[in-house]
Amino acid sequence: MAALHQLGAAELVALYRSREASPVEAVRAVIAHIARCEPRLHALYAYDPESALAQARDSEQRWLQRRPLSLLDGVPGTLKENIATRGTPVPLGTAASLPTPAAADAPPAARWREAGAVLLAKTTMPDYGMLSSGLSSFHALARNPWDTSKNPGGSSAGAGAAAAAGYGPLHVGTDIGGSIRLPAGWCGVFGLKPSLGRIPIQPPYAGRVAGPMTRTVHDAALLMAALSQPDWRDAMSLPYQPIEWTNLQRDVKGLRLGLQLDAGWGLAVEPEVRAAVEQAARAFEAAGAVIEPMAAFSTREHIDGMDRFWRMRSWLDLQALPAERRDKVLPYIRQWAEGAARISAAELFHGYSQMGALRDAAVAACQPYHFVLSPVSPVPSFAAEWAGPTNDPARPLEHIAFTLPYNMSEQPAASINCGYTATGLPIGLQIIGHRHDDLGVLQLARAWEQLRPQQKPWPMQ
């Protein structure tokens, strides 16, 4: 049998139920593994092994009494730093924040505790979540477990690294332009950006979601069952649906799958990425799916408009800070935001309107298909020290052309590994579904898990 820290949530629960292993033993195994890896990865914030062991002991008693709180009871993992947990400061990745303890658990943290999952730590993120990188002015530089000279991506940087390295089976990130899917793709794990509102979150915002980052689709489904429970605090959340999240079997025969290899703007898709995604499409086709090319629908006008809007939002936030705190924000982000100082009201309004324009374009483009396949990122991982694949604040968003549209359109989209570069770096396949068809995306991702070639061993084991 694999070591306890290598096992998935369902495997651990089976051992708890049969009493072949306990939550305390599993958590101790993960703690020991973290001690070996964390000095190189820097994935964690507010790491508290003693609290985790106390939670595990409580879970152990529930399992001995055969009264587990859920199928996640006693399973260890992490929450992203910006998901508030009562009593822990939420610095949002930046040294400009004040270390004020959170007054209450945010909805995903509340669901986590109600399920009895063991919270090992929070995971690191870049300043304000504004980078697809592990670079932060507050946290140590997070690195990719497949190659520590490379970036885990972001903004769910530590979550992607922790999932790939085996810091427990369960991890939760957030996503507003690709912040779950990009690190999932670059770290070779599974990440689901659910439909907007499927998982209640606080604070809610256009395009912002929380979602699972795990090594397997099944573990993500188990997390969805817990995280999708209702919470009144998210005024943008969907009405609760009792979805059978672990009903993952689906025949792909006859499914119409759009294949998008041109995003319409941004960085060119590198040959190794294109080849891996095309190979995945051919495997689906061999299994009976119908693959059809999907034309680009996103435009330079869409992204330039949203870039202006987001710059202005960040510029106003930074200007509201005292100078001594503002100076602590990463220079890259300050330089990017300063571009808003010359934006007119008309340009700002036009930029905001591009969110709706991109939403409508994405929904229309996906309508003919059951699902859409695309790269997650046009490029593999990049230097750990960089703020993004271009490392240029004048061109900060060129790598999110495949992910951003589905935040704006509120559609579910997942990242799952579909191959490796010649140097062994993972390549992410994006699977996109119609709005509210989160289960369908999980099912197609599970089908890909069964179709794809054998994966390389996980790093840092």
Protein backbone atom coordinates (compact mmCIF):
# COMPACT_ATOMS: atom_id res chain seq x y z
CA MET A 1 0.00 0.00 0.00
CA ALA A 2 1.16 3.56 -0.73
CA ALA A 3 2.26 5.73 2.18
CA LEU A 4 -0.60 7.46 3.98
CA HIS A 5 0.37 10.92 2.71
CA GLN A 6 0.05 9.65 -0.87
CA LEU A 7 -3.52 8.40 -0.53
CA GLY A 8 -6.66 10.12 -1.75
CA ALA A 9 -9.62 11.09 0.38
CA ALA A 10 -11.72 8.04 -0.48
CA GLU A 11 -8.80 5.71 0.22
CA LEU A 12 -8.17 7.32 3.61
CA VAL A 13 -11.84 7.14 4.57
CA ALA A 14 -11.93 3.44 3.66
CA LEU A 15 -9.00 2.87 6.02
CA TYR A 16 -10.66 4.90 8.76
CA ARG A 17 -13.84 2.88 8.37
CA SER A 18 -12.02 -0.46 8.53
CA ARG A 19 -9.76 0.84 11.33
CA GLU A 20 -6.65 -0.09 9.38
CA ALA A 21 -5.48 3.52 9.84
CA SER A 22 -6.69 6.53 11.78
CA PRO A 23 -6.97 10.24 11.06
CA VAL A 24 -4.18 10.84 13.57
CA GLU A 25 -1.86 8.48 11.70
CA ALA A 26 -2.74 10.08 8.37
CA VAL A 27 -2.19 13.61 9.64
CA ARG A 28 1.12 12.65 11.25
CA ALA A 29 2.25 11.17 7.94
CA VAL A 30 1.37 14.39 6.08
CA ILE A 31 3.08 16.52 8.73
CA ALA A 32 6.25 14.47 8.33
CA HIS A 33 6.05 14.83 4.56
CA ILE A 34 5.56 18.59 4.84
CA ALA A 35 8.67 18.80 7.00
CA ARG A 36 10.66 17.24 4.15
CA CYS A 37 9.23 19.38 1.35
CA GLU A 38 8.11 22.75 2.69
CA PRO A 39 11.61 24.25 3.11
CA ARG A 40 11.86 24.04 -0.68
CA LEU A 41 8.26 24.79 -1.73
CA HIS A 42 6.99 27.55 0.60
CA ALA A 43 3.38 26.61 -0.13
CA LEU A 44 1.94 27.18 3.35
CA TYR A 45 0.80 30.07 5.52
CA ALA A 46 -0.42 29.80 9.14
CA TYR A 47 0.70 26.19 9.28
CA ASP A 48 -0.39 24.71 12.63
CA PRO A 49 0.46 21.01 13.00
CA GLU A 50 -0.65 20.90 16.65
CA SER A 51 -4.10 22.18 15.77
CA ALA A 52 -4.27 19.69 12.90
CA LEU A 53 -3.45 16.82 15.26
CA ALA A 54 -6.12 18.01 17.70
CA GLN A 55 -8.66 18.01 14.87
CA ALA A 56 -7.48 14.53 13.85
CA ARG A 57 -7.94 13.22 17.39
CA ASP A 58 -11.51 14.53 17.43
CA SER A 59 -12.15 12.87 14.08
CA GLU A 60 -10.63 9.61 15.31
CA GLN A 61 -13.14 9.51 18.13
CA ARG A 62 -16.02 10.07 15.72
CA TRP A 63 -14.82 7.21 13.51
CA LEU A 64 -14.43 4.91 16.54
CA GLN A 65 -18.02 5.71 17.46
CA ARG A 66 -19.00 5.22 13.79
CA ARG A 67 -20.39 8.76 13.67
CA PRO A 68 -18.28 10.57 11.06
CA LEU A 69 -19.55 13.99 10.05
CA SER A 70 -19.09 13.28 6.34
CA LEU A 71 -16.99 11.36 3.83
CA LEU A 72 -14.28 13.96 4.41
CA ASP A 73 -14.08 13.53 8.18
CA GLY A 74 -10.43 13.33 9.21
CA VAL A 75 -9.06 13.93 5.70
CA PRO A 76 -6.26 16.54 5.76
CA GLY A 77 -5.76 19.49 3.45
CA THR A 78 -5.57 23.25 3.05
CA LEU A 79 -7.54 26.38 2.23
CA LYS A 80 -6.22 29.32 0.23
CA GLU A 81 -5.06 32.25 2.34
CA ASN A 82 -7.82 34.58 1.09
CA ILE A 83 -10.56 32.22 2.34
CA ALA A 84 -11.05 33.65 5.82
CA THR A 85 -10.71 31.33 8.81
CA ARG A 86 -11.75 32.62 12.20
CA GLY A 87 -8.83 34.00 14.23
CA THR A 88 -6.28 34.00 11.39
CA PRO A 89 -5.19 37.21 9.61
CA VAL A 90 -5.94 37.41 5.90
CA PRO A 91 -3.02 39.39 4.41
CA LEU A 92 -4.11 38.74 0.80
CA GLY A 93 -0.52 37.94 -0.07
CA THR A 94 0.74 41.46 0.48
CA ALA A 95 2.96 43.07 3.09
CA ALA A 96 0.73 46.15 2.78
CA SER A 97 -2.06 44.44 4.73
CA LEU A 98 -2.68 44.83 8.44
CA PRO A 99 -2.50 41.57 10.44
CA THR A 100 -6.10 41.65 11.68
CA PRO A 101 -7.51 38.23 12.64
CA ALA A 102 -10.62 37.23 10.69
CA ALA A 103 -13.81 37.50 12.76
CA ALA A 104 -15.51 34.48 11.15
CA ASP A 105 -15.03 31.60 8.74
CA ALA A 106 -15.85 32.38 5.12
CA PRO A 107 -18.40 29.98 3.60
CA PRO A 108 -15.87 27.45 2.20
CA ALA A 109 -14.06 27.34 5.56
CA ALA A 110 -17.35 26.87 7.41
CA ARG A 111 -18.30 23.95 5.14
CA TRP A 112 -14.82 22.46 5.61
CA ARG A 113 -15.18 22.43 9.38
CA GLU A 114 -18.76 21.12 9.25
CA ALA A 115 -17.51 18.18 7.16
CA GLY A 116 -14.82 17.38 9.76
CA ALA A 117 -11.92 17.78 7.31
CA VAL A 118 -8.60 18.54 9.00
CA LEU A 119 -7.21 21.99 8.23
CA LEU A 120 -3.42 21.78 8.14
CA ALA A 121 -2.73 25.32 6.97
CA LYS A 122 -3.67 28.10 4.61
CA THR A 123 -1.83 28.30 1.27
CA THR A 124 0.18 31.17 -0.14
CA MET A 125 -0.85 33.63 -2.84
CA PRO A 126 0.59 36.73 -4.59
CA ASP A 127 -0.32 40.30 -3.64
CA TYR A 128 -4.11 40.74 -3.80
CA GLY A 129 -4.30 37.65 -6.02
CA MET A 130 -3.31 39.84 -8.96
CA LEU A 131 -0.62 37.56 -10.40
CA SER A 132 -0.53 34.09 -11.96
CA SER A 133 2.55 33.46 -9.86
CA GLY A 134 3.90 32.39 -6.49
CA LEU A 135 5.61 35.79 -6.07
CA SER A 136 4.45 37.73 -3.01
CA SER A 137 5.61 40.64 -0.88
CA PHE A 138 4.29 38.88 2.25
CA HIS A 139 4.90 35.17 1.72
CA ALA A 140 8.15 33.43 0.80
CA LEU A 141 8.45 32.64 -2.91
CA ALA A 142 6.34 29.56 -3.70
CA ARG A 143 7.83 27.02 -6.08
CA ASN A 144 6.66 24.21 -8.35
CA PRO A 145 7.25 20.68 -6.94
CA TRP A 146 7.96 19.28 -10.42
CA ASP A 147 10.93 21.65 -10.75
CA THR A 148 11.63 24.10 -7.95
CA SER A 149 13.25 26.54 -10.38
CA LYS A 150 9.77 26.92 -11.92
CA ASN A 151 6.60 28.72 -10.88
CA PRO A 152 3.53 26.94 -9.46
CA GLY A 153 1.36 29.63 -11.03
CA GLY A 154 -1.30 31.59 -9.21
CA SER A 155 -3.02 33.11 -7.66
CA SER A 156 -3.78 29.78 -5.92
CA ALA A 157 -0.04 29.24 -5.91
CA GLY A 158 0.48 27.39 -2.65
CA ALA A 159 -2.64 25.30 -3.24
CA GLY A 160 -1.34 23.99 -6.56
CA ALA A 161 2.09 23.22 -5.10
CA ALA A 162 0.60 21.59 -1.99
CA ALA A 163 -1.73 19.37 -4.02
CA ALA A 164 1.04 18.19 -6.35
CA ALA A 165 3.49 17.59 -3.50
CA GLY A 166 1.02 15.53 -1.44
CA TYR A 167 0.21 17.85 1.47
CA GLY A 168 -3.00 15.88 1.99
CA PRO A 169 -5.62 15.13 -0.67
CA LEU A 170 -7.88 18.19 -0.32
CA HIS A 171 -7.14 21.78 -1.29
CA VAL A 172 -9.37 24.76 -2.05
CA GLY A 173 -8.41 27.71 -4.24
CA THR A 174 -10.17 30.71 -5.75
CA ASP A 175 -10.41 31.84 -9.37
CA ILE A 176 -11.37 35.08 -11.09
CA GLY A 177 -9.40 34.78 -14.34
CA GLY A 178 -7.69 31.40 -14.10
CA SER A 179 -6.36 31.32 -10.53
CA ILE A 180 -7.42 27.70 -9.93
CA ARG A 181 -6.90 26.30 -13.42
CA LEU A 182 -3.52 27.88 -14.19
CA PRO A 183 -1.68 26.54 -11.11
CA ALA A 184 -3.54 23.24 -11.49
CA GLY A 185 -2.30 23.00 -15.07
CA TRP A 186 1.27 23.99 -14.27
CA CYS A 187 1.38 21.67 -11.23
CA GLY A 188 -0.30 18.72 -12.95
CA VAL A 189 -3.30 18.45 -10.60
CA PHE A 190 -7.05 18.62 -11.13
CA GLY A 191 -8.71 21.98 -10.53
CA LEU A 192 -12.37 22.91 -10.99
CA LYS A 193 -13.65 26.44 -11.42
CA PRO A 194 -17.34 25.86 -10.76
CA SER A 195 -20.25 27.83 -12.17
CA LEU A 196 -20.47 31.23 -10.52
CA GLY A 197 -22.43 30.82 -7.29
CA ARG A 198 -22.19 27.03 -7.10
CA ILE A 199 -19.92 27.31 -4.05
CA PRO A 200 -20.90 30.21 -1.80
CA ILE A 201 -18.02 32.59 -1.19
CA GLN A 202 -17.41 35.81 0.70
CA PRO A 203 -16.92 38.41 -0.56
CA PRO A 204 -18.64 37.60 -3.87
CA TYR A 205 -17.53 39.39 -7.03
CA ALA A 206 -18.17 39.11 -10.76
CA GLY A 207 -16.39 35.98 -11.96
CA ARG A 208 -14.99 35.02 -8.53
CA VAL A 209 -15.39 31.43 -7.38
CA ALA A 210 -13.86 28.96 -4.95
CA GLY A 211 -13.16 25.42 -6.07
CA PRO A 212 -11.29 22.18 -5.38
CA MET A 213 -7.69 21.46 -6.30
CA THR A 214 -6.91 17.76 -5.90
CA ARG A 215 -4.94 14.94 -7.46
CA THR A 216 -8.06 13.13 -8.67
CA VAL A 217 -11.49 14.03 -10.02
CA HIS A 218 -13.15 11.85 -7.38
CA ASP A 219 -11.59 13.79 -4.53
CA ALA A 220 -12.76 17.03 -6.14
CA ALA A 221 -16.28 15.59 -6.34
CA LEU A 222 -16.19 14.78 -2.63
CA LEU A 223 -15.16 18.36 -1.91
CA MET A 224 -17.93 19.72 -4.12
CA ALA A 225 -20.51 17.83 -2.07
CA ALA A 226 -19.38 19.72 1.02
CA LEU A 227 -18.50 23.13 -0.41
CA SER A 228 -21.69 23.54 -2.46
CA GLN A 229 -23.92 23.52 0.62
CA PRO A 230 -25.86 26.80 0.90
CA ASP A 231 -24.74 29.92 2.74
CA TRP A 232 -26.90 33.07 2.85
CA ARG A 233 -23.87 35.34 3.05
CA ASP A 234 -23.20 35.01 -0.70
CA ALA A 235 -25.89 37.10 -2.37
CA MET A 236 -24.70 35.83 -5.78
CA SER A 237 -24.94 32.13 -4.93
CA LEU A 238 -27.13 29.69 -6.85
CA PRO A 239 -30.13 27.95 -5.29
CA TYR A 240 -28.87 24.78 -3.65
CA GLN A 241 -29.20 21.56 -5.67
CA PRO A 242 -28.68 18.07 -4.16
CA ILE A 243 -26.35 16.93 -6.95
CA GLU A 244 -24.92 13.40 -6.86
CA TRP A 245 -21.36 14.66 -7.16
CA THR A 246 -19.71 11.24 -7.11
CA ASN A 247 -21.83 9.97 -10.02
CA LEU A 248 -18.87 10.36 -12.35
CA GLN A 249 -19.37 7.69 -15.02
CA ARG A 250 -20.33 8.96 -18.46
CA ASP A 251 -20.06 7.50 -21.94
CA VAL A 252 -18.41 10.02 -24.25
CA LYS A 253 -19.77 8.36 -27.39
CA GLY A 254 -21.73 10.87 -29.45
CA LEU A 255 -20.69 13.93 -27.44
CA ARG A 256 -19.92 16.98 -29.57
CA LEU A 257 -16.67 18.49 -28.28
CA GLY A 258 -15.43 21.82 -29.55
CA LEU A 259 -11.64 22.06 -29.82
CA GLN A 260 -10.33 25.58 -29.29
CA LEU A 261 -6.67 26.07 -30.11
CA ASP A 262 -6.78 29.79 -30.97
CA ALA A 263 -7.94 32.09 -28.19
CA GLY A 264 -8.06 35.16 -30.43
CA TRP A 265 -5.37 37.12 -28.58
CA GLY A 266 -2.50 36.59 -26.18
CA LEU A 267 0.57 34.41 -26.28
CA ALA A 268 0.86 31.86 -29.06
CA VAL A 269 0.20 28.26 -28.06
CA GLU A 270 3.58 26.55 -27.80
CA PRO A 271 4.01 23.40 -29.92
CA GLU A 272 4.29 20.99 -26.97
CA VAL A 273 1.09 22.37 -25.44
CA ARG A 274 -0.79 22.17 -28.74
CA ALA A 275 0.38 18.61 -29.37
CA ALA A 276 -0.74 17.43 -25.91
CA VAL A 277 -4.20 18.99 -26.25
CA GLU A 278 -4.64 17.62 -29.77
CA GLN A 279 -3.64 14.16 -28.53
CA ALA A 280 -6.32 14.38 -25.84
CA ALA A 281 -8.89 15.36 -28.47
CA ARG A 282 -7.89 12.37 -30.62
CA ALA A 283 -8.33 10.05 -27.62
CA PHE A 284 -11.85 11.37 -27.04
CA GLU A 285 -12.54 10.93 -30.76
CA ALA A 286 -11.32 7.35 -30.65
CA ALA A 287 -13.73 6.75 -27.76
CA GLY A 288 -16.66 7.93 -29.90
CA ALA A 289 -16.85 11.67 -29.33
CA VAL A 290 -17.22 14.05 -32.25
CA ILE A 291 -14.43 16.66 -32.33
CA GLU A 292 -15.14 19.94 -34.12
CA PRO A 293 -12.80 22.95 -34.44
CA MET A 294 -13.99 25.96 -32.47
CA ALA A 295 -13.15 29.40 -33.81
CA ALA A 296 -11.69 32.15 -31.66
CA PHE A 297 -14.33 34.38 -30.07
CA SER A 298 -12.39 36.54 -27.61
CA THR A 299 -10.90 39.78 -28.89
CA ARG A 300 -8.23 42.30 -28.06
CA GLU A 301 -10.99 44.78 -27.29
CA HIS A 302 -12.37 42.46 -24.61
CA ILE A 303 -9.12 42.08 -22.73
CA ASP A 304 -7.81 45.61 -23.16
CA GLY A 305 -11.08 46.93 -21.80
CA MET A 306 -11.06 44.66 -18.78
CA ASP A 307 -7.39 45.39 -18.20
CA ARG A 308 -8.24 49.11 -17.96
CA PHE A 309 -11.09 48.40 -15.55
CA TRP A 310 -8.98 46.16 -13.30
CA ARG A 311 -6.07 48.61 -13.35
CA MET A 312 -8.40 51.36 -12.17
CA ARG A 313 -9.83 49.20 -9.41
CA SER A 314 -6.33 48.37 -8.16
CA TRP A 315 -5.15 51.96 -8.61
CA LEU A 316 -7.98 53.25 -6.41
CA ASP A 317 -7.29 50.56 -3.79
CA LEU A 318 -3.59 51.43 -3.71
CA GLN A 319 -4.23 55.15 -3.58
CA ALA A 320 -6.40 54.63 -0.51
CA LEU A 321 -3.43 53.14 1.39
CA PRO A 322 -1.00 55.26 3.41
CA ALA A 323 2.19 55.79 1.42
CA GLU A 324 4.29 53.62 3.74
CA ARG A 325 1.94 50.67 3.20
CA ARG A 326 1.48 51.27 -0.53
CA ASP A 327 5.25 51.11 -0.99
CA LYS A 328 5.22 47.54 0.35
CA VAL A 329 3.13 46.22 -2.55
CA LEU A 330 5.12 44.40 -5.22
CA PRO A 331 6.64 46.97 -7.63
CA TYR A 332 5.26 44.97 -10.58
CA ILE A 333 1.68 45.44 -9.36
CA ARG A 334 2.21 49.11 -8.52
CA GLN A 335 3.64 49.74 -11.98
CA TRP A 336 0.72 47.93 -13.62
CA ALA A 337 -1.91 49.83 -11.59
CA GLU A 338 -0.29 53.20 -12.27
CA GLY A 339 -1.39 52.85 -15.89
CA ALA A 340 -4.91 53.71 -14.71
CA ALA A 341 -3.95 57.26 -13.76
CA ARG A 342 -4.55 58.37 -17.37
CA ILE A 343 -7.79 56.45 -18.02
CA SER A 344 -10.86 58.56 -18.75
CA ALA A 345 -14.35 57.88 -17.41
CA ALA A 346 -15.48 56.87 -20.90
CA GLU A 347 -12.61 54.40 -21.24
CA LEU A 348 -13.36 53.00 -17.80
CA PHE A 349 -17.04 52.46 -18.59
CA HIS A 350 -16.18 50.85 -21.93
CA GLY A 351 -13.71 48.57 -20.15
CA TYR A 352 -16.32 47.47 -17.63
CA SER A 353 -18.78 46.75 -20.45
CA GLN A 354 -16.33 44.26 -21.97
CA MET A 355 -17.05 41.84 -19.12
CA GLY A 356 -20.60 41.45 -20.44
CA ALA A 357 -19.48 41.41 -24.06
CA LEU A 358 -17.04 38.57 -23.37
CA ARG A 359 -19.69 36.67 -21.41
CA ASP A 360 -22.09 36.78 -24.35
CA ALA A 361 -19.37 35.80 -26.83
CA ALA A 362 -18.31 32.79 -24.75
CA VAL A 363 -21.85 31.51 -24.24
CA ALA A 364 -22.62 31.82 -27.97
CA ALA A 365 -19.38 30.12 -29.00
CA CYS A 366 -19.99 27.13 -26.68
CA GLN A 367 -23.67 26.69 -27.56
CA PRO A 368 -23.19 24.16 -30.42
CA TYR A 369 -21.17 21.76 -28.26
CA HIS A 370 -21.74 19.57 -25.23
CA PHE A 371 -18.28 20.56 -23.95
CA VAL A 372 -15.24 22.46 -25.17
CA LEU A 373 -11.57 21.41 -24.95
CA SER A 374 -8.67 23.86 -24.96
CA PRO A 375 -5.27 24.46 -23.41
CA VAL A 376 -5.36 25.90 -19.92
CA SER A 377 -2.33 28.05 -20.67
CA PRO A 378 -0.60 28.57 -24.02
CA VAL A 379 2.77 28.00 -22.32
CA PRO A 380 4.22 25.66 -19.68
CA SER A 381 5.49 26.90 -16.32
CA PHE A 382 8.10 29.65 -16.19
CA ALA A 383 10.78 30.98 -13.86
CA ALA A 384 9.82 30.88 -10.19
CA GLU A 385 10.92 34.48 -9.64
CA TRP A 386 8.74 35.92 -12.41
CA ALA A 387 5.39 37.66 -11.84
CA GLY A 388 3.88 35.89 -14.87
CA PRO A 389 4.79 34.24 -18.16
CA THR A 390 5.68 37.59 -19.80
CA ASN A 391 7.06 39.16 -16.59
CA ASP A 392 6.02 42.47 -18.14
CA PRO A 393 3.51 44.74 -16.34
CA ALA A 394 2.64 46.31 -19.70
CA ARG A 395 1.50 42.86 -20.95
CA PRO A 396 0.31 41.11 -17.79
CA LEU A 397 -2.69 39.13 -19.07
CA GLU A 398 -1.43 37.52 -22.29
CA HIS A 399 -1.54 34.01 -20.77
CA ILE A 400 -5.18 34.02 -19.57
CA ALA A 401 -6.93 34.16 -22.95
CA PHE A 402 -8.18 30.56 -22.61
CA THR A 403 -9.29 30.81 -18.97
CA LEU A 404 -10.72 34.31 -18.47
CA PRO A 405 -13.75 33.99 -20.79
CA TYR A 406 -15.32 31.29 -18.64
CA ASN A 407 -15.12 33.39 -15.49
CA MET A 408 -17.02 36.12 -17.27
CA SER A 409 -19.55 33.66 -18.75
CA GLU A 410 -19.98 31.94 -15.35
CA GLN A 411 -19.46 28.50 -16.95
CA PRO A 412 -17.76 25.60 -15.17
CA ALA A 413 -14.24 24.88 -16.42
CA ALA A 414 -11.61 22.44 -15.20
CA SER A 415 -7.90 21.83 -15.63
CA ILE A 416 -6.59 18.27 -15.83
CA ASN A 417 -3.16 17.05 -16.85
CA CYS A 418 -2.85 15.86 -20.45
CA GLY A 419 0.88 15.48 -20.95
CA TYR A 420 4.37 16.74 -20.21
CA THR A 421 6.99 18.86 -21.87
CA ALA A 422 10.32 17.34 -22.91
CA THR A 423 11.69 18.58 -19.59
CA GLY A 424 8.91 16.90 -17.58
CA LEU A 425 6.65 19.87 -16.81
CA PRO A 426 2.88 19.19 -16.76
CA ILE A 427 0.53 20.49 -19.45
CA GLY A 428 -3.07 21.29 -18.58
CA LEU A 429 -6.16 20.43 -20.65
CA GLN A 430 -9.15 22.70 -20.02
CA ILE A 431 -12.64 21.18 -20.12
CA ILE A 432 -15.50 23.69 -20.32
CA GLY A 433 -19.20 22.99 -19.85
CA HIS A 434 -22.44 24.92 -20.10
CA ARG A 435 -23.37 27.08 -17.14
CA HIS A 436 -24.59 25.00 -14.17
CA ASP A 437 -23.32 21.71 -15.69
CA ASP A 438 -20.56 21.33 -13.11
CA LEU A 439 -21.25 17.62 -12.78
CA GLY A 440 -20.89 17.18 -16.54
CA VAL A 441 -17.43 18.77 -16.46
CA LEU A 442 -16.42 16.43 -13.63
CA GLN A 443 -17.75 13.46 -15.59
CA LEU A 444 -15.83 14.35 -18.75
CA ALA A 445 -12.70 14.95 -16.69
CA ARG A 446 -13.14 11.51 -15.10
CA ALA A 447 -13.51 10.02 -18.58
CA TRP A 448 -10.20 11.66 -19.53
CA GLU A 449 -8.55 10.20 -16.41
CA GLN A 450 -9.53 6.77 -17.74
CA LEU A 451 -8.47 7.50 -21.34
CA ARG A 452 -5.15 9.24 -20.82
CA PRO A 453 -1.78 7.46 -20.82
CA GLN A 454 -0.18 6.51 -17.53
CA GLN A 455 0.96 9.57 -15.63
CA LYS A 456 4.43 10.25 -14.32
CA PRO A 457 4.92 9.60 -10.59
CA TRP A 458 4.03 12.54 -8.38
CA PRO A 459 6.98 14.74 -7.41
CA MET A 460 8.55 14.93 -3.94
CA GLN A 461 7.21 11.57 -2.77
